[in-house]
Amino acid sequence: MTYFGTHGPSPKAEKPIKDKLHLGFVASLGCVLTGLMDVVVHHLLRAPSRHGQHKAGDQHTVALRKDLHIALHDIWGDEAAFFTHHGVPEYLELANGIYANSGDSVVCMQLIAKARAPKE
């Protein structure tokens, strides 16, 4: 008999995905904060696919301008605070939406625009 305590079994973490095609697509969308094209693909630090690993799966990525990516890691350190400060507090949901619509640049650009829109 397996005993899970009062909380039941712990939820199974998502498996990290490796998808070079998706990474190229993410980069082609430009920076999710500025729209500029000189970007690197950022693997989210708080993604459920990390499994204690150094890097999340490719399904949890967004493009950031190179200097913003450096600032995120070297100055901010706190990914949630960084994205919230830059007006995209729902960054994980944005990454999930981009992955769910990978290859459809029109839909993904709409998702990015909506994520960057001022919140009421």
PDB file of N, CA and C in Angstrom:
ATOM      1  N   MET A   1       0.837  -1.180   0.000  1.00  0.00           N
ATOM      2  CA  MET A   1       0.000   0.000   0.000  1.00  0.00           C
ATOM      3  C   MET A   1       0.883   1.244   0.000  1.00  0.00           C
ATOM      4  N   THR A   2       0.570   2.177  -0.876  1.00  0.00           N
ATOM      5  CA  THR A   2       1.322   3.419  -0.952  1.00  0.00           C
ATOM      6  C   THR A   2       0.613   4.485  -0.146  1.00  0.00           C
ATOM      7  N   TYR A   3       1.364   5.181   0.675  1.00  0.00           N
ATOM      8  CA  TYR A   3       0.788   6.236   1.500  1.00  0.00           C
ATOM      9  C   TYR A   3       1.250   7.585   0.976  1.00  0.00           C
ATOM     10  N   PHE A   4       0.278   8.461   0.692  1.00  0.00           N
ATOM     11  CA  PHE A   4       0.603   9.776   0.156  1.00  0.00           C
ATOM     12  C   PHE A   4       0.390  10.888   1.169  1.00  0.00           C
ATOM     13  N   GLY A   5       0.036  10.567   2.381  1.00  0.00           N
ATOM     14  CA  GLY A   5      -0.227  11.608   3.369  1.00  0.00           C
ATOM     15  C   GLY A   5      -1.575  12.258   3.107  1.00  0.00           C
ATOM     16  N   THR A   6      -1.797  13.400   3.713  1.00  0.00           N
ATOM     17  CA  THR A   6      -3.106  14.058   3.615  1.00  0.00           C
ATOM     18  C   THR A   6      -3.283  14.849   2.329  1.00  0.00           C
ATOM     19  N   HIS A   7      -2.226  15.064   1.604  1.00  0.00           N
ATOM     20  CA  HIS A   7      -2.309  15.885   0.401  1.00  0.00           C
ATOM     21  C   HIS A   7      -2.391  15.076  -0.891  1.00  0.00           C
ATOM     22  N   GLY A   8      -2.352  13.781  -0.822  1.00  0.00           N
ATOM     23  CA  GLY A   8      -2.387  12.959  -2.025  1.00  0.00           C
ATOM     24  C   GLY A   8      -1.032  12.925  -2.694  1.00  0.00           C
ATOM     25  N   PRO A   9      -0.961  12.276  -3.846  1.00  0.00           N
ATOM     26  CA  PRO A   9       0.330  12.197  -4.543  1.00  0.00           C
ATOM     27  C   PRO A   9       0.745  13.576  -5.042  1.00  0.00           C
ATOM     28  N   SER A  10       2.031  13.786  -5.088  1.00  0.00           N
ATOM     29  CA  SER A  10       2.493  15.071  -5.605  1.00  0.00           C
ATOM     30  C   SER A  10       2.306  15.085  -7.119  1.00  0.00           C
ATOM     31  N   PRO A  11       1.955  16.259  -7.674  1.00  0.00           N
ATOM     32  CA  PRO A  11       1.730  16.316  -9.120  1.00  0.00           C
ATOM     33  C   PRO A  11       3.017  16.038  -9.885  1.00  0.00           C
ATOM     34  N   LYS A  12       2.878  15.343 -10.976  1.00  0.00           N
ATOM     35  CA  LYS A  12       4.036  15.018 -11.796  1.00  0.00           C
ATOM     36  C   LYS A  12       4.438  16.254 -12.592  1.00  0.00           C
ATOM     37  N   ALA A  13       5.710  16.590 -12.555  1.00  0.00           N
ATOM     38  CA  ALA A  13       6.206  17.751 -13.286  1.00  0.00           C
ATOM     39  C   ALA A  13       6.202  17.467 -14.783  1.00  0.00           C
ATOM     40  N   GLU A  14       6.045  18.521 -15.559  1.00  0.00           N
ATOM     41  CA  GLU A  14       6.081  18.379 -17.016  1.00  0.00           C
ATOM     42  C   GLU A  14       7.467  17.938 -17.462  1.00  0.00           C
ATOM     43  N   LYS A  15       7.496  17.155 -18.514  1.00  0.00           N
ATOM     44  CA  LYS A  15       8.773  16.717 -19.069  1.00  0.00           C
ATOM     45  C   LYS A  15       9.329  17.834 -19.961  1.00  0.00           C
ATOM     46  N   PRO A  16      10.622  18.151 -19.814  1.00  0.00           N
ATOM     47  CA  PRO A  16      11.217  19.170 -20.673  1.00  0.00           C
ATOM     48  C   PRO A  16      11.211  18.716 -22.136  1.00  0.00           C
ATOM     49  N   ILE A  17      10.905  19.624 -23.003  1.00  0.00           N
ATOM     50  CA  ILE A  17      10.857  19.339 -24.437  1.00  0.00           C
ATOM     51  C   ILE A  17      12.051  20.001 -25.106  1.00  0.00           C
ATOM     52  N   LYS A  18      12.665  19.310 -26.028  1.00  0.00           N
ATOM     53  CA  LYS A  18      13.732  19.871 -26.856  1.00  0.00           C
ATOM     54  C   LYS A  18      13.143  20.065 -28.255  1.00  0.00           C
ATOM     55  N   ASP A  19      13.124  21.301 -28.743  1.00  0.00           N
ATOM     56  CA  ASP A  19      12.480  21.599 -30.016  1.00  0.00           C
ATOM     57  C   ASP A  19      13.177  22.774 -30.685  1.00  0.00           C
ATOM     58  N   LYS A  20      14.212  22.477 -31.477  1.00  0.00           N
ATOM     59  CA  LYS A  20      14.986  23.530 -32.139  1.00  0.00           C
ATOM     60  C   LYS A  20      14.138  24.359 -33.089  1.00  0.00           C
ATOM     61  N   LEU A  21      13.167  23.735 -33.740  1.00  0.00           N
ATOM     62  CA  LEU A  21      12.283  24.470 -34.641  1.00  0.00           C
ATOM     63  C   LEU A  21      11.494  25.526 -33.871  1.00  0.00           C
ATOM     64  N   HIS A  22      10.988  25.147 -32.695  1.00  0.00           N
ATOM     65  CA  HIS A  22      10.233  26.102 -31.885  1.00  0.00           C
ATOM     66  C   HIS A  22      11.135  27.234 -31.397  1.00  0.00           C
ATOM     67  N   LEU A  23      12.364  26.935 -31.005  1.00  0.00           N
ATOM     68  CA  LEU A  23      13.283  27.973 -30.557  1.00  0.00           C
ATOM     69  C   LEU A  23      13.538  28.995 -31.660  1.00  0.00           C
ATOM     70  N   GLY A  24      13.693  28.519 -32.880  1.00  0.00           N
ATOM     71  CA  GLY A  24      13.867  29.426 -34.012  1.00  0.00           C
ATOM     72  C   GLY A  24      12.630  30.285 -34.231  1.00  0.00           C
ATOM     73  N   PHE A  25      11.460  29.670 -34.073  1.00  0.00           N
ATOM     74  CA  PHE A  25      10.208  30.413 -34.216  1.00  0.00           C
ATOM     75  C   PHE A  25      10.101  31.488 -33.141  1.00  0.00           C
ATOM     76  N   VAL A  26      10.400  31.148 -31.894  1.00  0.00           N
ATOM     77  CA  VAL A  26      10.342  32.110 -30.787  1.00  0.00           C
ATOM     78  C   VAL A  26      11.249  33.299 -31.086  1.00  0.00           C
ATOM     79  N   ALA A  27      12.454  33.033 -31.542  1.00  0.00           N
ATOM     80  CA  ALA A  27      13.394  34.112 -31.867  1.00  0.00           C
ATOM     81  C   ALA A  27      12.870  34.994 -32.989  1.00  0.00           C
ATOM     82  N   SER A  28      12.155  34.394 -33.935  1.00  0.00           N
ATOM     83  CA  SER A  28      11.647  35.164 -35.081  1.00  0.00           C
ATOM     84  C   SER A  28      10.550  36.145 -34.688  1.00  0.00           C
ATOM     85  N   LEU A  29       9.963  35.970 -33.505  1.00  0.00           N
ATOM     86  CA  LEU A  29       8.893  36.858 -33.043  1.00  0.00           C
ATOM     87  C   LEU A  29       9.422  38.168 -32.477  1.00  0.00           C
ATOM     88  N   GLY A  30      10.693  38.207 -32.153  1.00  0.00           N
ATOM     89  CA  GLY A  30      11.266  39.406 -31.544  1.00  0.00           C
ATOM     90  C   GLY A  30      11.072  39.401 -30.035  1.00  0.00           C
ATOM     91  N   CYS A  31      11.626  40.400 -29.400  1.00  0.00           N
ATOM     92  CA  CYS A  31      11.580  40.525 -27.948  1.00  0.00           C
ATOM     93  C   CYS A  31      10.143  40.703 -27.482  1.00  0.00           C
ATOM     94  N   VAL A  32       9.726  39.904 -26.507  1.00  0.00           N
ATOM     95  CA  VAL A  32       8.353  40.000 -26.004  1.00  0.00           C
ATOM     96  C   VAL A  32       8.125  41.294 -25.233  1.00  0.00           C
ATOM     97  N   LEU A  33       9.187  41.991 -24.849  1.00  0.00           N
ATOM     98  CA  LEU A  33       9.037  43.243 -24.113  1.00  0.00           C
ATOM     99  C   LEU A  33       9.114  44.463 -25.008  1.00  0.00           C
ATOM    100  N   THR A  34       9.942  44.414 -26.057  1.00  0.00           N
ATOM    101  CA  THR A  34      10.180  45.606 -26.882  1.00  0.00           C
ATOM    102  C   THR A  34       9.793  45.441 -28.344  1.00  0.00           C
ATOM    103  N   GLY A  35       9.705  44.211 -28.805  1.00  0.00           N
ATOM    104  CA  GLY A  35       9.425  43.960 -30.212  1.00  0.00           C
ATOM    105  C   GLY A  35      10.656  43.992 -31.099  1.00  0.00           C
ATOM    106  N   LEU A  36      11.799  44.366 -30.557  1.00  0.00           N
ATOM    107  CA  LEU A  36      13.028  44.441 -31.347  1.00  0.00           C
ATOM    108  C   LEU A  36      13.545  43.042 -31.659  1.00  0.00           C
ATOM    109  N   MET A  37      14.369  42.958 -32.699  1.00  0.00           N
ATOM    110  CA  MET A  37      14.751  41.647 -33.229  1.00  0.00           C
ATOM    111  C   MET A  37      16.104  41.102 -32.756  1.00  0.00           C
ATOM    112  N   ASP A  38      16.959  41.876 -32.140  1.00  0.00           N
ATOM    113  CA  ASP A  38      18.269  41.386 -31.697  1.00  0.00           C
ATOM    114  C   ASP A  38      18.061  40.642 -30.375  1.00  0.00           C
ATOM    115  N   VAL A  39      17.693  39.344 -30.468  1.00  0.00           N
ATOM    116  CA  VAL A  39      17.219  38.612 -29.290  1.00  0.00           C
ATOM    117  C   VAL A  39      18.000  37.334 -29.012  1.00  0.00           C
ATOM    118  N   VAL A  40      17.809  36.854 -27.795  1.00  0.00           N
ATOM    119  CA  VAL A  40      18.185  35.501 -27.399  1.00  0.00           C
ATOM    120  C   VAL A  40      16.926  34.857 -26.849  1.00  0.00           C
ATOM    121  N   VAL A  41      16.866  33.551 -26.910  1.00  0.00           N
ATOM    122  CA  VAL A  41      15.705  32.837 -26.388  1.00  0.00           C
ATOM    123  C   VAL A  41      15.978  32.516 -24.923  1.00  0.00           C
ATOM    124  N   HIS A  42      15.085  33.006 -24.067  1.00  0.00           N
ATOM    125  CA  HIS A  42      15.221  32.817 -22.617  1.00  0.00           C
ATOM    126  C   HIS A  42      14.379  31.632 -22.170  1.00  0.00           C
ATOM    127  N   HIS A  43      15.002  30.670 -21.515  1.00  0.00           N
ATOM    128  CA  HIS A  43      14.297  29.539 -20.905  1.00  0.00           C
ATOM    129  C   HIS A  43      13.849  29.984 -19.519  1.00  0.00           C
ATOM    130  N   LEU A  44      12.562  29.953 -19.278  1.00  0.00           N
ATOM    131  CA  LEU A  44      12.002  30.468 -18.036  1.00  0.00           C
ATOM    132  C   LEU A  44      12.553  29.745 -16.817  1.00  0.00           C
ATOM    133  N   LEU A  45      12.835  30.506 -15.789  1.00  0.00           N
ATOM    134  CA  LEU A  45      13.429  29.964 -14.575  1.00  0.00           C
ATOM    135  C   LEU A  45      12.399  29.322 -13.655  1.00  0.00           C
ATOM    136  N   ARG A  46      11.139  29.729 -13.778  1.00  0.00           N
ATOM    137  CA  ARG A  46      10.089  29.208 -12.903  1.00  0.00           C
ATOM    138  C   ARG A  46       9.159  28.238 -13.622  1.00  0.00           C
ATOM    139  N   ALA A  47       9.613  27.646 -14.670  1.00  0.00           N
ATOM    140  CA  ALA A  47       8.773  26.754 -15.468  1.00  0.00           C
ATOM    141  C   ALA A  47       8.629  25.387 -14.810  1.00  0.00           C
ATOM    142  N   PRO A  48       7.449  24.770 -14.967  1.00  0.00           N
ATOM    143  CA  PRO A  48       7.244  23.447 -14.378  1.00  0.00           C
ATOM    144  C   PRO A  48       8.080  22.348 -15.031  1.00  0.00           C
ATOM    145  N   SER A  49       8.689  22.613 -16.172  1.00  0.00           N
ATOM    146  CA  SER A  49       9.473  21.580 -16.861  1.00  0.00           C
ATOM    147  C   SER A  49      10.927  21.543 -16.418  1.00  0.00           C
ATOM    148  N   ARG A  50      11.290  22.322 -15.422  1.00  0.00           N
ATOM    149  CA  ARG A  50      12.700  22.360 -15.010  1.00  0.00           C
ATOM    150  C   ARG A  50      13.159  21.084 -14.333  1.00  0.00           C
ATOM    151  N   HIS A  51      12.338  20.397 -13.581  1.00  0.00           N
ATOM    152  CA  HIS A  51      12.718  19.152 -12.896  1.00  0.00           C
ATOM    153  C   HIS A  51      14.011  19.302 -12.109  1.00  0.00           C
ATOM    154  N   GLY A  52      14.239  20.459 -11.524  1.00  0.00           N
ATOM    155  CA  GLY A  52      15.475  20.672 -10.782  1.00  0.00           C
ATOM    156  C   GLY A  52      16.674  20.870 -11.691  1.00  0.00           C
ATOM    157  N   GLN A  53      16.415  20.918 -12.983  1.00  0.00           N
ATOM    158  CA  GLN A  53      17.500  21.104 -13.940  1.00  0.00           C
ATOM    159  C   GLN A  53      17.875  22.578 -14.014  1.00  0.00           C
ATOM    160  N   HIS A  54      18.975  22.836 -14.667  1.00  0.00           N
ATOM    161  CA  HIS A  54      19.431  24.211 -14.847  1.00  0.00           C
ATOM    162  C   HIS A  54      18.521  24.973 -15.803  1.00  0.00           C
ATOM    163  N   LYS A  55      17.970  24.292 -16.803  1.00  0.00           N
ATOM    164  CA  LYS A  55      17.218  24.986 -17.840  1.00  0.00           C
ATOM    165  C   LYS A  55      15.875  24.307 -18.079  1.00  0.00           C
ATOM    166  N   ALA A  56      14.836  25.129 -18.289  1.00  0.00           N
ATOM    167  CA  ALA A  56      13.498  24.614 -18.594  1.00  0.00           C
ATOM    168  C   ALA A  56      13.474  24.020 -19.994  1.00  0.00           C
ATOM    169  N   GLY A  57      12.418  23.293 -20.292  1.00  0.00           N
ATOM    170  CA  GLY A  57      12.237  22.761 -21.633  1.00  0.00           C
ATOM    171  C   GLY A  57      11.981  23.879 -22.633  1.00  0.00           C
ATOM    172  N   ASP A  58      12.158  23.572 -23.897  1.00  0.00           N
ATOM    173  CA  ASP A  58      11.992  24.567 -24.948  1.00  0.00           C
ATOM    174  C   ASP A  58      10.553  25.066 -25.072  1.00  0.00           C
ATOM    175  N   GLN A  59       9.602  24.347 -24.469  1.00  0.00           N
ATOM    176  CA  GLN A  59       8.211  24.796 -24.498  1.00  0.00           C
ATOM    177  C   GLN A  59       7.986  25.987 -23.571  1.00  0.00           C
ATOM    178  N   HIS A  60       8.923  26.274 -22.702  1.00  0.00           N
ATOM    179  CA  HIS A  60       8.805  27.389 -21.758  1.00  0.00           C
ATOM    180  C   HIS A  60       9.869  28.440 -22.065  1.00  0.00           C
ATOM    181  N   THR A  61       9.728  29.059 -23.223  1.00  0.00           N
ATOM    182  CA  THR A  61      10.701  30.050 -23.658  1.00  0.00           C
ATOM    183  C   THR A  61      10.012  31.290 -24.208  1.00  0.00           C
ATOM    184  N   VAL A  62      10.698  32.413 -24.092  1.00  0.00           N
ATOM    185  CA  VAL A  62      10.306  33.665 -24.732  1.00  0.00           C
ATOM    186  C   VAL A  62      11.578  34.326 -25.234  1.00  0.00           C
ATOM    187  N   ALA A  63      11.442  35.190 -26.223  1.00  0.00           N
ATOM    188  CA  ALA A  63      12.600  35.918 -26.738  1.00  0.00           C
ATOM    189  C   ALA A  63      12.753  37.228 -25.980  1.00  0.00           C
ATOM    190  N   LEU A  64      13.988  37.545 -25.636  1.00  0.00           N
ATOM    191  CA  LEU A  64      14.316  38.811 -24.991  1.00  0.00           C
ATOM    192  C   LEU A  64      15.462  39.474 -25.734  1.00  0.00           C
ATOM    193  N   ARG A  65      15.418  40.798 -25.796  1.00  0.00           N
ATOM    194  CA  ARG A  65      16.547  41.547 -26.340  1.00  0.00           C
ATOM    195  C   ARG A  65      17.785  41.158 -25.526  1.00  0.00           C
ATOM    196  N   LYS A  66      18.924  41.072 -26.172  1.00  0.00           N
ATOM    197  CA  LYS A  66      20.132  40.561 -25.509  1.00  0.00           C
ATOM    198  C   LYS A  66      20.464  41.299 -24.220  1.00  0.00           C
ATOM    199  N   ASP A  67      20.396  42.632 -24.235  1.00  0.00           N
ATOM    200  CA  ASP A  67      20.745  43.380 -23.026  1.00  0.00           C
ATOM    201  C   ASP A  67      19.738  43.143 -21.899  1.00  0.00           C
ATOM    202  N   LEU A  68      18.462  42.949 -22.253  1.00  0.00           N
ATOM    203  CA  LEU A  68      17.463  42.644 -21.231  1.00  0.00           C
ATOM    204  C   LEU A  68      17.681  41.256 -20.638  1.00  0.00           C
ATOM    205  N   HIS A  69      18.091  40.312 -21.471  1.00  0.00           N
ATOM    206  CA  HIS A  69      18.377  38.959 -20.987  1.00  0.00           C
ATOM    207  C   HIS A  69      19.538  38.979 -19.997  1.00  0.00           C
ATOM    208  N   ILE A  70      20.561  39.742 -20.314  1.00  0.00           N
ATOM    209  CA  ILE A  70      21.703  39.871 -19.402  1.00  0.00           C
ATOM    210  C   ILE A  70      21.258  40.528 -18.096  1.00  0.00           C
ATOM    211  N   ALA A  71      20.448  41.587 -18.205  1.00  0.00           N
ATOM    212  CA  ALA A  71      19.957  42.271 -17.003  1.00  0.00           C
ATOM    213  C   ALA A  71      19.111  41.344 -16.146  1.00  0.00           C
ATOM    214  N   LEU A  72      18.289  40.528 -16.772  1.00  0.00           N
ATOM    215  CA  LEU A  72      17.454  39.592 -16.022  1.00  0.00           C
ATOM    216  C   LEU A  72      18.320  38.691 -15.155  1.00  0.00           C
ATOM    217  N   HIS A  73      19.368  38.127 -15.739  1.00  0.00           N
ATOM    218  CA  HIS A  73      20.216  37.184 -15.006  1.00  0.00           C
ATOM    219  C   HIS A  73      21.202  37.871 -14.062  1.00  0.00           C
ATOM    220  N   ASP A  74      21.832  38.945 -14.518  1.00  0.00           N
ATOM    221  CA  ASP A  74      22.930  39.539 -13.754  1.00  0.00           C
ATOM    222  C   ASP A  74      22.500  40.617 -12.761  1.00  0.00           C
ATOM    223  N   ILE A  75      21.401  41.310 -13.043  1.00  0.00           N
ATOM    224  CA  ILE A  75      20.993  42.411 -12.175  1.00  0.00           C
ATOM    225  C   ILE A  75      19.752  42.048 -11.369  1.00  0.00           C
ATOM    226  N   TRP A  76      18.714  41.584 -12.068  1.00  0.00           N
ATOM    227  CA  TRP A  76      17.442  41.307 -11.394  1.00  0.00           C
ATOM    228  C   TRP A  76      17.495  40.019 -10.593  1.00  0.00           C
ATOM    229  N   GLY A  77      17.845  38.920 -11.241  1.00  0.00           N
ATOM    230  CA  GLY A  77      17.850  37.628 -10.570  1.00  0.00           C
ATOM    231  C   GLY A  77      16.452  37.059 -10.341  1.00  0.00           C
ATOM    232  N   ASP A  78      15.491  37.902 -10.069  1.00  0.00           N
ATOM    233  CA  ASP A  78      14.112  37.492  -9.799  1.00  0.00           C
ATOM    234  C   ASP A  78      13.296  37.637 -11.079  1.00  0.00           C
ATOM    235  N   GLU A  79      13.046  36.515 -11.731  1.00  0.00           N
ATOM    236  CA  GLU A  79      12.350  36.520 -13.024  1.00  0.00           C
ATOM    237  C   GLU A  79      10.950  37.131 -12.930  1.00  0.00           C
ATOM    238  N   ALA A  80      10.194  36.780 -11.912  1.00  0.00           N
ATOM    239  CA  ALA A  80       8.831  37.307 -11.772  1.00  0.00           C
ATOM    240  C   ALA A  80       8.849  38.822 -11.611  1.00  0.00           C
ATOM    241  N   ALA A  81       9.750  39.331 -10.787  1.00  0.00           N
ATOM    242  CA  ALA A  81       9.856  40.784 -10.593  1.00  0.00           C
ATOM    243  C   ALA A  81      10.280  41.476 -11.885  1.00  0.00           C
ATOM    244  N   PHE A  82      11.204  40.876 -12.614  1.00  0.00           N
ATOM    245  CA  PHE A  82      11.675  41.440 -13.881  1.00  0.00           C
ATOM    246  C   PHE A  82      10.525  41.589 -14.873  1.00  0.00           C
ATOM    247  N   PHE A  83       9.799  40.496 -15.106  1.00  0.00           N
ATOM    248  CA  PHE A  83       8.716  40.561 -16.088  1.00  0.00           C
ATOM    249  C   PHE A  83       7.577  41.464 -15.619  1.00  0.00           C
ATOM    250  N   THR A  84       7.279  41.458 -14.339  1.00  0.00           N
ATOM    251  CA  THR A  84       6.239  42.339 -13.817  1.00  0.00           C
ATOM    252  C   THR A  84       6.643  43.800 -14.000  1.00  0.00           C
ATOM    253  N   HIS A  85       7.882  44.115 -13.676  1.00  0.00           N
ATOM    254  CA  HIS A  85       8.391  45.480 -13.846  1.00  0.00           C
ATOM    255  C   HIS A  85       8.286  45.945 -15.303  1.00  0.00           C
ATOM    256  N   HIS A  86       8.501  45.022 -16.219  1.00  0.00           N
ATOM    257  CA  HIS A  86       8.459  45.357 -17.648  1.00  0.00           C
ATOM    258  C   HIS A  86       7.063  45.176 -18.249  1.00  0.00           C
ATOM    259  N   GLY A  87       6.062  44.980 -17.424  1.00  0.00           N
ATOM    260  CA  GLY A  87       4.681  44.982 -17.895  1.00  0.00           C
ATOM    261  C   GLY A  87       4.132  43.674 -18.415  1.00  0.00           C
ATOM    262  N   VAL A  88       4.828  42.553 -18.155  1.00  0.00           N
ATOM    263  CA  VAL A  88       4.353  41.247 -18.626  1.00  0.00           C
ATOM    264  C   VAL A  88       4.364  40.262 -17.446  1.00  0.00           C
ATOM    265  N   PRO A  89       3.454  40.467 -16.477  1.00  0.00           N
ATOM    266  CA  PRO A  89       3.465  39.587 -15.309  1.00  0.00           C
ATOM    267  C   PRO A  89       3.018  38.156 -15.606  1.00  0.00           C
ATOM    268  N   GLU A  90       2.306  37.942 -16.688  1.00  0.00           N
ATOM    269  CA  GLU A  90       1.817  36.602 -17.042  1.00  0.00           C
ATOM    270  C   GLU A  90       2.752  35.945 -18.074  1.00  0.00           C
ATOM    271  N   TYR A  91       4.042  36.041 -17.829  1.00  0.00           N
ATOM    272  CA  TYR A  91       5.041  35.567 -18.791  1.00  0.00           C
ATOM    273  C   TYR A  91       5.000  34.060 -19.007  1.00  0.00           C
ATOM    274  N   LEU A  92       4.699  33.276 -17.982  1.00  0.00           N
ATOM    275  CA  LEU A  92       4.623  31.824 -18.153  1.00  0.00           C
ATOM    276  C   LEU A  92       3.440  31.464 -19.046  1.00  0.00           C
ATOM    277  N   GLU A  93       2.313  32.123 -18.832  1.00  0.00           N
ATOM    278  CA  GLU A  93       1.141  31.893 -19.686  1.00  0.00           C
ATOM    279  C   GLU A  93       1.431  32.304 -21.122  1.00  0.00           C
ATOM    280  N   LEU A  94       2.191  33.393 -21.284  1.00  0.00           N
ATOM    281  CA  LEU A  94       2.576  33.835 -22.625  1.00  0.00           C
ATOM    282  C   LEU A  94       3.424  32.765 -23.313  1.00  0.00           C
ATOM    283  N   ALA A  95       4.418  32.239 -22.605  1.00  0.00           N
ATOM    284  CA  ALA A  95       5.270  31.183 -23.173  1.00  0.00           C
ATOM    285  C   ALA A  95       4.439  29.969 -23.554  1.00  0.00           C
ATOM    286  N   ASN A  96       3.481  29.595 -22.694  1.00  0.00           N
ATOM    287  CA  ASN A  96       2.612  28.454 -22.994  1.00  0.00           C
ATOM    288  C   ASN A  96       1.769  28.726 -24.237  1.00  0.00           C
ATOM    289  N   GLY A  97       1.246  29.944 -24.362  1.00  0.00           N
ATOM    290  CA  GLY A  97       0.446  30.307 -25.531  1.00  0.00           C
ATOM    291  C   GLY A  97       1.266  30.286 -26.806  1.00  0.00           C
ATOM    292  N   ILE A  98       2.486  30.771 -26.728  1.00  0.00           N
ATOM    293  CA  ILE A  98       3.367  30.760 -27.904  1.00  0.00           C
ATOM    294  C   ILE A  98       3.658  29.312 -28.307  1.00  0.00           C
ATOM    295  N   TYR A  99       3.920  28.453 -27.326  1.00  0.00           N
ATOM    296  CA  TYR A  99       4.199  27.056 -27.662  1.00  0.00           C
ATOM    297  C   TYR A  99       2.971  26.371 -28.263  1.00  0.00           C
ATOM    298  N   ALA A 100       1.801  26.651 -27.692  1.00  0.00           N
ATOM    299  CA  ALA A 100       0.564  26.036 -28.188  1.00  0.00           C
ATOM    300  C   ALA A 100       0.251  26.471 -29.618  1.00  0.00           C
ATOM    301  N   ASN A 101       0.763  27.645 -30.018  1.00  0.00           N
ATOM    302  CA  ASN A 101       0.507  28.178 -31.360  1.00  0.00           C
ATOM    303  C   ASN A 101       1.784  28.289 -32.175  1.00  0.00           C
ATOM    304  N   SER A 102       2.784  27.483 -31.834  1.00  0.00           N
ATOM    305  CA  SER A 102       4.073  27.552 -32.506  1.00  0.00           C
ATOM    306  C   SER A 102       3.907  27.422 -34.014  1.00  0.00           C
ATOM    307  N   GLY A 103       4.537  28.319 -34.730  1.00  0.00           N
ATOM    308  CA  GLY A 103       4.457  28.325 -36.185  1.00  0.00           C
ATOM    309  C   GLY A 103       3.433  29.310 -36.720  1.00  0.00           C
ATOM    310  N   ASP A 104       2.506  29.761 -35.887  1.00  0.00           N
ATOM    311  CA  ASP A 104       1.485  30.721 -36.296  1.00  0.00           C
ATOM    312  C   ASP A 104       1.888  32.103 -35.782  1.00  0.00           C
ATOM    313  N   SER A 105       2.663  32.823 -36.573  1.00  0.00           N
ATOM    314  CA  SER A 105       3.197  34.097 -36.109  1.00  0.00           C
ATOM    315  C   SER A 105       2.111  35.143 -35.873  1.00  0.00           C
ATOM    316  N   VAL A 106       1.026  35.092 -36.629  1.00  0.00           N
ATOM    317  CA  VAL A 106      -0.048  36.070 -36.439  1.00  0.00           C
ATOM    318  C   VAL A 106      -0.662  35.912 -35.049  1.00  0.00           C
ATOM    319  N   VAL A 107      -1.029  34.694 -34.692  1.00  0.00           N
ATOM    320  CA  VAL A 107      -1.630  34.438 -33.380  1.00  0.00           C
ATOM    321  C   VAL A 107      -0.627  34.762 -32.277  1.00  0.00           C
ATOM    322  N   CYS A 108       0.609  34.364 -32.433  1.00  0.00           N
ATOM    323  CA  CYS A 108       1.608  34.598 -31.390  1.00  0.00           C
ATOM    324  C   CYS A 108       1.901  36.086 -31.210  1.00  0.00           C
ATOM    325  N   MET A 109       1.930  36.849 -32.290  1.00  0.00           N
ATOM    326  CA  MET A 109       2.128  38.294 -32.166  1.00  0.00           C
ATOM    327  C   MET A 109       0.941  38.933 -31.439  1.00  0.00           C
ATOM    328  N   GLN A 110      -0.253  38.407 -31.653  1.00  0.00           N
ATOM    329  CA  GLN A 110      -1.423  38.901 -30.925  1.00  0.00           C
ATOM    330  C   GLN A 110      -1.306  38.579 -29.433  1.00  0.00           C
ATOM    331  N   LEU A 111      -0.831  37.389 -29.117  1.00  0.00           N
ATOM    332  CA  LEU A 111      -0.628  37.012 -27.714  1.00  0.00           C
ATOM    333  C   LEU A 111       0.393  37.930 -27.042  1.00  0.00           C
ATOM    334  N   ILE A 112       1.466  38.226 -27.755  1.00  0.00           N
ATOM    335  CA  ILE A 112       2.508  39.109 -27.211  1.00  0.00           C
ATOM    336  C   ILE A 112       1.954  40.516 -27.006  1.00  0.00           C
ATOM    337  N   ALA A 113       1.226  41.024 -27.988  1.00  0.00           N
ATOM    338  CA  ALA A 113       0.646  42.368 -27.875  1.00  0.00           C
ATOM    339  C   ALA A 113      -0.325  42.439 -26.689  1.00  0.00           C
ATOM    340  N   LYS A 114      -1.111  41.407 -26.523  1.00  0.00           N
ATOM    341  CA  LYS A 114      -2.054  41.370 -25.406  1.00  0.00           C
ATOM    342  C   LYS A 114      -1.316  41.320 -24.075  1.00  0.00           C
ATOM    343  N   ALA A 115      -0.240  40.540 -23.999  1.00  0.00           N
ATOM    344  CA  ALA A 115       0.544  40.435 -22.766  1.00  0.00           C
ATOM    345  C   ALA A 115       1.219  41.759 -22.409  1.00  0.00           C
ATOM    346  N   ARG A 116       1.605  42.526 -23.424  1.00  0.00           N
ATOM    347  CA  ARG A 116       2.278  43.814 -23.194  1.00  0.00           C
ATOM    348  C   ARG A 116       1.305  44.960 -22.964  1.00  0.00           C
ATOM    349  N   ALA A 117       0.033  44.757 -23.290  1.00  0.00           N
ATOM    350  CA  ALA A 117      -0.952  45.833 -23.162  1.00  0.00           C
ATOM    351  C   ALA A 117      -1.110  46.238 -21.703  1.00  0.00           C
ATOM    352  N   PRO A 118      -1.281  47.539 -21.472  1.00  0.00           N
ATOM    353  CA  PRO A 118      -1.491  47.999 -20.085  1.00  0.00           C
ATOM    354  C   PRO A 118      -2.701  47.307 -19.478  1.00  0.00           C
ATOM    355  N   LYS A 119      -2.557  46.893 -18.234  1.00  0.00           N
ATOM    356  CA  LYS A 119      -3.647  46.208 -17.542  1.00  0.00           C
ATOM    357  C   LYS A 119      -4.582  47.244 -16.921  1.00  0.00           C
ATOM    358  N   GLU A 120      -5.866  46.965 -16.986  1.00  0.00           N
ATOM    359  CA  GLU A 120      -6.844  47.900 -16.416  1.00  0.00           C
ATOM    360  C   GLU A 120      -7.072  47.653 -14.960  1.00  0.00           C
TER     361      GLU A 120
END
